[in-house]
């Protein structure tokens, strides 16, 4: 098995284990928006890694997709106001 094959296999196993853990946590707390987002991140991240390794995505497309994934996964911080101008 090649190096890419091992990386892909490990990514799938880690993604699957992460998804199972998210579902187990969601079972105790109830499946809300945060659990759904965590589950989506656990399942999408290995797929992006595999598609990037197989050269299906161009580097630019992969960078934009990873940026969107990070933007969706990191919650917005602050006091709730969306304007950057000081009051």
PDB file of N, CA and C in Angstrom:
ATOM      1  N   UNK A   1       0.842  -1.166   0.000  1.00  0.00           N
ATOM      2  CA  UNK A   1       0.000   0.000   0.000  1.00  0.00           C
ATOM      3  C   UNK A   1       0.895   1.239   0.000  1.00  0.00           C
ATOM      4  N   UNK A   2       0.512   2.228  -0.794  1.00  0.00           N
ATOM      5  CA  UNK A   2       1.334   3.425  -0.904  1.00  0.00           C
ATOM      6  C   UNK A   2       1.113   4.341   0.301  1.00  0.00           C
ATOM      7  N   UNK A   3       1.924   5.386   0.341  1.00  0.00           N
ATOM      8  CA  UNK A   3       1.815   6.353   1.434  1.00  0.00           C
ATOM      9  C   UNK A   3       0.463   7.059   1.421  1.00  0.00           C
ATOM     10  N   UNK A   4      -0.013   7.402   0.228  1.00  0.00           N
ATOM     11  CA  UNK A   4      -1.317   8.047   0.122  1.00  0.00           C
ATOM     12  C   UNK A   4      -2.428   7.107   0.588  1.00  0.00           C
ATOM     13  N   UNK A   5      -2.290   5.844   0.292  1.00  0.00           N
ATOM     14  CA  UNK A   5      -3.289   4.870   0.718  1.00  0.00           C
ATOM     15  C   UNK A   5      -3.400   4.781   2.232  1.00  0.00           C
ATOM     16  N   UNK A   6      -2.264   4.806   2.917  1.00  0.00           N
ATOM     17  CA  UNK A   6      -2.282   4.751   4.376  1.00  0.00           C
ATOM     18  C   UNK A   6      -2.888   6.018   4.964  1.00  0.00           C
ATOM     19  N   UNK A   7      -2.537   7.160   4.393  1.00  0.00           N
ATOM     20  CA  UNK A   7      -3.094   8.421   4.886  1.00  0.00           C
ATOM     21  C   UNK A   7      -4.611   8.434   4.701  1.00  0.00           C
ATOM     22  N   UNK A   8      -5.075   7.954   3.559  1.00  0.00           N
ATOM     23  CA  UNK A   8      -6.511   7.913   3.301  1.00  0.00           C
ATOM     24  C   UNK A   8      -7.222   6.967   4.255  1.00  0.00           C
ATOM     25  N   UNK A   9      -6.620   5.829   4.507  1.00  0.00           N
ATOM     26  CA  UNK A   9      -7.223   4.859   5.424  1.00  0.00           C
ATOM     27  C   UNK A   9      -7.312   5.422   6.838  1.00  0.00           C
ATOM     28  N   UNK A  10      -6.248   6.050   7.296  1.00  0.00           N
ATOM     29  CA  UNK A  10      -6.250   6.639   8.636  1.00  0.00           C
ATOM     30  C   UNK A  10      -7.272   7.778   8.710  1.00  0.00           C
ATOM     31  N   UNK A  11      -7.376   8.581   7.650  1.00  0.00           N
ATOM     32  CA  UNK A  11      -8.346   9.685   7.644  1.00  0.00           C
ATOM     33  C   UNK A  11      -9.771   9.153   7.743  1.00  0.00           C
ATOM     34  N   UNK A  12     -10.069   8.087   7.043  1.00  0.00           N
ATOM     35  CA  UNK A  12     -11.413   7.508   7.113  1.00  0.00           C
ATOM     36  C   UNK A  12     -11.714   6.925   8.487  1.00  0.00           C
ATOM     37  N   UNK A  13     -10.737   6.263   9.078  1.00  0.00           N
ATOM     38  CA  UNK A  13     -10.951   5.665  10.396  1.00  0.00           C
ATOM     39  C   UNK A  13     -11.143   6.756  11.441  1.00  0.00           C
ATOM     40  N   UNK A  14     -10.291   7.779  11.410  1.00  0.00           N
ATOM     41  CA  UNK A  14     -10.408   8.871  12.377  1.00  0.00           C
ATOM     42  C   UNK A  14     -11.725   9.616  12.179  1.00  0.00           C
ATOM     43  N   UNK A  15     -12.105   9.862  10.942  1.00  0.00           N
ATOM     44  CA  UNK A  15     -13.377  10.527  10.680  1.00  0.00           C
ATOM     45  C   UNK A  15     -14.560   9.709  11.168  1.00  0.00           C
ATOM     46  N   UNK A  16     -14.513   8.411  10.954  1.00  0.00           N
ATOM     47  CA  UNK A  16     -15.591   7.547  11.436  1.00  0.00           C
ATOM     48  C   UNK A  16     -15.676   7.502  12.947  1.00  0.00           C
ATOM     49  N   UNK A  17     -14.522   7.403  13.607  1.00  0.00           N
ATOM     50  CA  UNK A  17     -14.518   7.404  15.074  1.00  0.00           C
ATOM     51  C   UNK A  17     -15.004   8.735  15.630  1.00  0.00           C
ATOM     52  N   UNK A  18     -14.608   9.815  14.988  1.00  0.00           N
ATOM     53  CA  UNK A  18     -15.058  11.139  15.408  1.00  0.00           C
ATOM     54  C   UNK A  18     -16.575  11.253  15.256  1.00  0.00           C
ATOM     55  N   UNK A  19     -17.101  10.756  14.163  1.00  0.00           N
ATOM     56  CA  UNK A  19     -18.552  10.806  13.941  1.00  0.00           C
ATOM     57  C   UNK A  19     -19.299   9.989  14.995  1.00  0.00           C
ATOM     58  N   UNK A  20     -18.769   8.829  15.339  1.00  0.00           N
ATOM     59  CA  UNK A  20     -19.409   8.000  16.369  1.00  0.00           C
ATOM     60  C   UNK A  20     -19.382   8.712  17.717  1.00  0.00           C
ATOM     61  N   UNK A  21     -18.258   9.345  18.053  1.00  0.00           N
ATOM     62  CA  UNK A  21     -18.170  10.062  19.321  1.00  0.00           C
ATOM     63  C   UNK A  21     -19.143  11.238  19.359  1.00  0.00           C
ATOM     64  N   UNK A  22     -19.265  11.960  18.249  1.00  0.00           N
ATOM     65  CA  UNK A  22     -20.204  13.082  18.201  1.00  0.00           C
ATOM     66  C   UNK A  22     -21.628  12.582  18.391  1.00  0.00           C
ATOM     67  N   UNK A  23     -21.959  11.467  17.771  1.00  0.00           N
ATOM     68  CA  UNK A  23     -23.312  10.926  17.927  1.00  0.00           C
ATOM     69  C   UNK A  23     -23.561  10.445  19.354  1.00  0.00           C
ATOM     70  N   UNK A  24     -22.534   9.883  20.007  1.00  0.00           N
ATOM     71  CA  UNK A  24     -22.708   9.448  21.392  1.00  0.00           C
ATOM     72  C   UNK A  24     -22.905  10.644  22.319  1.00  0.00           C
ATOM     73  N   UNK A  25     -22.173  11.715  22.080  1.00  0.00           N
ATOM     74  CA  UNK A  25     -22.360  12.925  22.880  1.00  0.00           C
ATOM     75  C   UNK A  25     -23.738  13.514  22.596  1.00  0.00           C
ATOM     76  N   UNK A  26     -24.137  13.516  21.342  1.00  0.00           N
ATOM     77  CA  UNK A  26     -25.447  14.033  20.974  1.00  0.00           C
ATOM     78  C   UNK A  26     -26.579  13.225  21.555  1.00  0.00           C
ATOM     79  N   UNK A  27     -26.339  11.971  21.795  1.00  0.00           N
ATOM     80  CA  UNK A  27     -27.369  11.114  22.384  1.00  0.00           C
ATOM     81  C   UNK A  27     -27.679  11.546  23.815  1.00  0.00           C
ATOM     82  N   UNK A  28     -26.654  12.006  24.531  1.00  0.00           N
ATOM     83  CA  UNK A  28     -26.845  12.440  25.914  1.00  0.00           C
ATOM     84  C   UNK A  28     -27.457  13.840  25.983  1.00  0.00           C
ATOM     85  N   UNK A  29     -27.013  14.739  25.116  1.00  0.00           N
ATOM     86  CA  UNK A  29     -27.458  16.127  25.183  1.00  0.00           C
ATOM     87  C   UNK A  29     -28.604  16.434  24.231  1.00  0.00           C
ATOM     88  N   UNK A  30     -28.861  15.583  23.300  1.00  0.00           N
ATOM     89  CA  UNK A  30     -29.831  15.880  22.256  1.00  0.00           C
ATOM     90  C   UNK A  30     -29.094  16.414  21.038  1.00  0.00           C
ATOM     91  N   UNK A  31     -29.587  16.099  19.866  1.00  0.00           N
ATOM     92  CA  UNK A  31     -28.899  16.505  18.645  1.00  0.00           C
ATOM     93  C   UNK A  31     -29.413  17.882  18.246  1.00  0.00           C
ATOM     94  N   UNK A  32     -28.568  18.870  18.470  1.00  0.00           N
ATOM     95  CA  UNK A  32     -28.891  20.248  18.133  1.00  0.00           C
ATOM     96  C   UNK A  32     -28.002  20.741  17.005  1.00  0.00           C
ATOM     97  N   UNK A  33     -27.989  22.040  16.784  1.00  0.00           N
ATOM     98  CA  UNK A  33     -27.188  22.599  15.687  1.00  0.00           C
ATOM     99  C   UNK A  33     -25.688  22.358  15.844  1.00  0.00           C
ATOM    100  N   UNK A  34     -25.179  22.424  17.087  1.00  0.00           N
ATOM    101  CA  UNK A  34     -23.743  22.223  17.287  1.00  0.00           C
ATOM    102  C   UNK A  34     -23.335  20.779  17.001  1.00  0.00           C
ATOM    103  N   UNK A  35     -24.173  19.842  17.384  1.00  0.00           N
ATOM    104  CA  UNK A  35     -23.865  18.435  17.130  1.00  0.00           C
ATOM    105  C   UNK A  35     -23.904  18.151  15.628  1.00  0.00           C
ATOM    106  N   UNK A  36     -24.878  18.732  14.936  1.00  0.00           N
ATOM    107  CA  UNK A  36     -24.947  18.538  13.483  1.00  0.00           C
ATOM    108  C   UNK A  36     -23.735  19.141  12.789  1.00  0.00           C
ATOM    109  N   UNK A  37     -23.285  20.314  13.253  1.00  0.00           N
ATOM    110  CA  UNK A  37     -22.110  20.946  12.656  1.00  0.00           C
ATOM    111  C   UNK A  37     -20.857  20.107  12.925  1.00  0.00           C
ATOM    112  N   UNK A  38     -20.711  19.600  14.142  1.00  0.00           N
ATOM    113  CA  UNK A  38     -19.556  18.762  14.469  1.00  0.00           C
ATOM    114  C   UNK A  38     -19.556  17.482  13.646  1.00  0.00           C
ATOM    115  N   UNK A  39     -20.723  16.903  13.465  1.00  0.00           N
ATOM    116  CA  UNK A  39     -20.825  15.686  12.659  1.00  0.00           C
ATOM    117  C   UNK A  39     -20.461  15.962  11.203  1.00  0.00           C
ATOM    118  N   UNK A  40     -20.924  17.082  10.675  1.00  0.00           N
ATOM    119  CA  UNK A  40     -20.591  17.445   9.299  1.00  0.00           C
ATOM    120  C   UNK A  40     -19.086  17.677   9.146  1.00  0.00           C
ATOM    121  N   UNK A  41     -18.471  18.340  10.117  1.00  0.00           N
ATOM    122  CA  UNK A  41     -17.025  18.576  10.049  1.00  0.00           C
ATOM    123  C   UNK A  41     -16.241  17.263  10.116  1.00  0.00           C
ATOM    124  N   UNK A  42     -16.718  16.334  10.954  1.00  0.00           N
ATOM    125  CA  UNK A  42     -16.040  15.037  11.074  1.00  0.00           C
ATOM    126  C   UNK A  42     -16.122  14.228   9.790  1.00  0.00           C
ATOM    127  N   UNK A  43     -17.203  14.377   9.064  1.00  0.00           N
ATOM    128  CA  UNK A  43     -17.368  13.591   7.847  1.00  0.00           C
ATOM    129  C   UNK A  43     -16.786  14.273   6.610  1.00  0.00           C
ATOM    130  N   UNK A  44     -16.788  15.596   6.582  1.00  0.00           N
ATOM    131  CA  UNK A  44     -16.303  16.315   5.405  1.00  0.00           C
ATOM    132  C   UNK A  44     -14.781  16.416   5.385  1.00  0.00           C
ATOM    133  N   UNK A  45     -14.157  16.566   6.549  1.00  0.00           N
ATOM    134  CA  UNK A  45     -12.706  16.763   6.605  1.00  0.00           C
ATOM    135  C   UNK A  45     -11.928  15.607   5.976  1.00  0.00           C
ATOM    136  N   UNK A  46     -12.203  14.330   6.290  1.00  0.00           N
ATOM    137  CA  UNK A  46     -11.460  13.263   5.631  1.00  0.00           C
ATOM    138  C   UNK A  46     -11.704  13.205   4.122  1.00  0.00           C
ATOM    139  N   UNK A  47     -12.916  13.537   3.706  1.00  0.00           N
ATOM    140  CA  UNK A  47     -13.217  13.536   2.268  1.00  0.00           C
ATOM    141  C   UNK A  47     -12.376  14.589   1.557  1.00  0.00           C
ATOM    142  N   UNK A  48     -12.261  15.774   2.146  1.00  0.00           N
ATOM    143  CA  UNK A  48     -11.434  16.822   1.545  1.00  0.00           C
ATOM    144  C   UNK A  48      -9.968  16.412   1.491  1.00  0.00           C
ATOM    145  N   UNK A  49      -9.491  15.770   2.559  1.00  0.00           N
ATOM    146  CA  UNK A  49      -8.108  15.304   2.580  1.00  0.00           C
ATOM    147  C   UNK A  49      -7.860  14.293   1.471  1.00  0.00           C
ATOM    148  N   UNK A  50      -8.757  13.363   1.302  1.00  0.00           N
ATOM    149  CA  UNK A  50      -8.598  12.328   0.278  1.00  0.00           C
ATOM    150  C   UNK A  50      -8.672  12.939  -1.121  1.00  0.00           C
ATOM    151  N   UNK A  51      -9.641  13.823  -1.353  1.00  0.00           N
ATOM    152  CA  UNK A  51      -9.742  14.448  -2.674  1.00  0.00           C
ATOM    153  C   UNK A  51      -8.524  15.310  -2.985  1.00  0.00           C
ATOM    154  N   UNK A  52      -7.956  15.939  -1.976  1.00  0.00           N
ATOM    155  CA  UNK A  52      -6.740  16.717  -2.185  1.00  0.00           C
ATOM    156  C   UNK A  52      -5.541  15.833  -2.489  1.00  0.00           C
ATOM    157  N   UNK A  53      -5.430  14.704  -1.810  1.00  0.00           N
ATOM    158  CA  UNK A  53      -4.300  13.795  -2.059  1.00  0.00           C
ATOM    159  C   UNK A  53      -4.390  13.137  -3.434  1.00  0.00           C
ATOM    160  N   UNK A  54      -5.587  12.880  -3.887  1.00  0.00           N
ATOM    161  CA  UNK A  54      -5.773  12.236  -5.184  1.00  0.00           C
ATOM    162  C   UNK A  54      -5.723  13.218  -6.350  1.00  0.00           C
ATOM    163  N   UNK A  55      -5.456  14.484  -6.047  1.00  0.00           N
ATOM    164  CA  UNK A  55      -5.334  15.549  -7.053  1.00  0.00           C
ATOM    165  C   UNK A  55      -6.627  15.736  -7.850  1.00  0.00           C
ATOM    166  N   UNK A  56      -7.767  15.482  -7.216  1.00  0.00           N
ATOM    167  CA  UNK A  56      -9.050  15.730  -7.853  1.00  0.00           C
ATOM    168  C   UNK A  56      -9.366  17.218  -7.775  1.00  0.00           C
ATOM    169  N   UNK A  57      -9.024  17.845  -6.630  1.00  0.00           N
ATOM    170  CA  UNK A  57      -9.170  19.282  -6.478  1.00  0.00           C
ATOM    171  C   UNK A  57      -7.865  19.964  -6.855  1.00  0.00           C
ATOM    172  N   UNK A  58      -7.962  21.121  -7.481  1.00  0.00           N
ATOM    173  CA  UNK A  58      -6.758  21.928  -7.685  1.00  0.00           C
ATOM    174  C   UNK A  58      -6.378  22.534  -6.331  1.00  0.00           C
ATOM    175  N   UNK A  59      -5.132  22.958  -6.164  1.00  0.00           N
ATOM    176  CA  UNK A  59      -4.743  23.539  -4.866  1.00  0.00           C
ATOM    177  C   UNK A  59      -5.582  24.748  -4.471  1.00  0.00           C
ATOM    178  N   UNK A  60      -5.975  25.561  -5.452  1.00  0.00           N
ATOM    179  CA  UNK A  60      -6.780  26.737  -5.143  1.00  0.00           C
ATOM    180  C   UNK A  60      -8.163  26.341  -4.640  1.00  0.00           C
ATOM    181  N   UNK A  61      -8.769  25.378  -5.293  1.00  0.00           N
ATOM    182  CA  UNK A  61     -10.091  24.923  -4.884  1.00  0.00           C
ATOM    183  C   UNK A  61     -10.041  24.291  -3.504  1.00  0.00           C
ATOM    184  N   UNK A  62      -9.011  23.519  -3.240  1.00  0.00           N
ATOM    185  CA  UNK A  62      -8.860  22.890  -1.933  1.00  0.00           C
ATOM    186  C   UNK A  62      -8.661  23.947  -0.849  1.00  0.00           C
ATOM    187  N   UNK A  63      -7.879  24.984  -1.131  1.00  0.00           N
ATOM    188  CA  UNK A  63      -7.652  26.047  -0.148  1.00  0.00           C
ATOM    189  C   UNK A  63      -8.948  26.786   0.169  1.00  0.00           C
ATOM    190  N   UNK A  64      -9.732  27.087  -0.851  1.00  0.00           N
ATOM    191  CA  UNK A  64     -11.005  27.779  -0.622  1.00  0.00           C
ATOM    192  C   UNK A  64     -11.963  26.897   0.164  1.00  0.00           C
ATOM    193  N   UNK A  65     -11.998  25.624  -0.140  1.00  0.00           N
ATOM    194  CA  UNK A  65     -12.905  24.707   0.553  1.00  0.00           C
ATOM    195  C   UNK A  65     -12.494  24.533   2.011  1.00  0.00           C
ATOM    196  N   UNK A  66     -11.204  24.427   2.275  1.00  0.00           N
ATOM    197  CA  UNK A  66     -10.730  24.315   3.656  1.00  0.00           C
ATOM    198  C   UNK A  66     -11.019  25.609   4.416  1.00  0.00           C
ATOM    199  N   UNK A  67     -10.850  26.747   3.756  1.00  0.00           N
ATOM    200  CA  UNK A  67     -11.176  28.018   4.390  1.00  0.00           C
ATOM    201  C   UNK A  67     -12.647  28.118   4.750  1.00  0.00           C
ATOM    202  N   UNK A  68     -13.502  27.658   3.862  1.00  0.00           N
ATOM    203  CA  UNK A  68     -14.937  27.660   4.152  1.00  0.00           C
ATOM    204  C   UNK A  68     -15.266  26.701   5.286  1.00  0.00           C
ATOM    205  N   UNK A  69     -14.584  25.566   5.335  1.00  0.00           N
ATOM    206  CA  UNK A  69     -14.798  24.594   6.404  1.00  0.00           C
ATOM    207  C   UNK A  69     -14.383  25.183   7.752  1.00  0.00           C
ATOM    208  N   UNK A  70     -13.257  25.883   7.782  1.00  0.00           N
ATOM    209  CA  UNK A  70     -12.806  26.522   9.023  1.00  0.00           C
ATOM    210  C   UNK A  70     -13.776  27.632   9.421  1.00  0.00           C
ATOM    211  N   UNK A  71     -14.217  28.412   8.458  1.00  0.00           N
ATOM    212  CA  UNK A  71     -15.164  29.481   8.753  1.00  0.00           C
ATOM    213  C   UNK A  71     -16.479  28.964   9.287  1.00  0.00           C
ATOM    214  N   UNK A  72     -16.918  27.830   8.801  1.00  0.00           N
ATOM    215  CA  UNK A  72     -18.170  27.255   9.285  1.00  0.00           C
ATOM    216  C   UNK A  72     -17.985  26.589  10.641  1.00  0.00           C
ATOM    217  N   UNK A  73     -16.809  26.067  10.897  1.00  0.00           N
ATOM    218  CA  UNK A  73     -16.584  25.328  12.131  1.00  0.00           C
ATOM    219  C   UNK A  73     -16.246  26.182  13.326  1.00  0.00           C
ATOM    220  N   UNK A  74     -15.664  27.347  13.088  1.00  0.00           N
ATOM    221  CA  UNK A  74     -15.288  28.230  14.183  1.00  0.00           C
ATOM    222  C   UNK A  74     -16.451  29.187  14.431  1.00  0.00           C
ATOM    223  N   UNK A  75     -17.027  29.139  15.604  1.00  0.00           N
ATOM    224  CA  UNK A  75     -18.167  30.027  15.856  1.00  0.00           C
ATOM    225  C   UNK A  75     -17.721  31.483  15.921  1.00  0.00           C
ATOM    226  N   UNK A  76     -18.636  32.373  15.590  1.00  0.00           N
ATOM    227  CA  UNK A  76     -18.343  33.798  15.650  1.00  0.00           C
ATOM    228  C   UNK A  76     -18.181  34.209  17.109  1.00  0.00           C
ATOM    229  N   UNK A  77     -17.184  35.033  17.359  1.00  0.00           N
ATOM    230  CA  UNK A  77     -16.958  35.514  18.712  1.00  0.00           C
ATOM    231  C   UNK A  77     -17.261  36.998  18.770  1.00  0.00           C
ATOM    232  N   UNK A  78     -17.509  37.484  19.938  1.00  0.00           N
ATOM    233  CA  UNK A  78     -17.770  38.904  20.111  1.00  0.00           C
ATOM    234  C   UNK A  78     -19.040  39.109  20.906  1.00  0.00           C
ATOM    235  N   UNK A  79     -19.446  40.377  20.958  1.00  0.00           N
ATOM    236  CA  UNK A  79     -20.604  40.727  21.781  1.00  0.00           C
ATOM    237  C   UNK A  79     -21.911  40.602  21.037  1.00  0.00           C
ATOM    238  N   UNK A  80     -21.864  40.207  19.783  1.00  0.00           N
ATOM    239  CA  UNK A  80     -23.100  40.013  19.049  1.00  0.00           C
ATOM    240  C   UNK A  80     -23.338  41.080  18.003  1.00  0.00           C
ATOM    241  N   UNK A  81     -22.628  42.198  18.067  1.00  0.00           N
ATOM    242  CA  UNK A  81     -22.825  43.231  17.060  1.00  0.00           C
ATOM    243  C   UNK A  81     -21.952  42.933  15.849  1.00  0.00           C
ATOM    244  N   UNK A  82     -22.520  43.098  14.675  1.00  0.00           N
ATOM    245  CA  UNK A  82     -21.777  42.764  13.467  1.00  0.00           C
ATOM    246  C   UNK A  82     -21.012  43.949  12.902  1.00  0.00           C
ATOM    247  N   UNK A  83     -21.221  45.154  13.422  1.00  0.00           N
ATOM    248  CA  UNK A  83     -20.508  46.326  12.910  1.00  0.00           C
ATOM    249  C   UNK A  83     -19.154  46.444  13.592  1.00  0.00           C
ATOM    250  N   UNK A  84     -18.164  46.830  12.807  1.00  0.00           N
ATOM    251  CA  UNK A  84     -16.812  46.960  13.333  1.00  0.00           C
ATOM    252  C   UNK A  84     -16.515  48.375  13.800  1.00  0.00           C
ATOM    253  N   UNK A  85     -17.404  49.327  13.521  1.00  0.00           N
ATOM    254  CA  UNK A  85     -17.162  50.714  13.904  1.00  0.00           C
ATOM    255  C   UNK A  85     -17.381  50.902  15.402  1.00  0.00           C
ATOM    256  N   UNK A  86     -16.471  51.641  16.053  1.00  0.00           N
ATOM    257  CA  UNK A  86     -16.647  51.886  17.484  1.00  0.00           C
ATOM    258  C   UNK A  86     -17.812  52.831  17.747  1.00  0.00           C
ATOM    259  N   UNK A  87     -18.400  52.721  18.907  1.00  0.00           N
ATOM    260  CA  UNK A  87     -19.557  53.566  19.241  1.00  0.00           C
ATOM    261  C   UNK A  87     -19.140  54.759  20.056  1.00  0.00           C
TER     262      UNK A  87
END
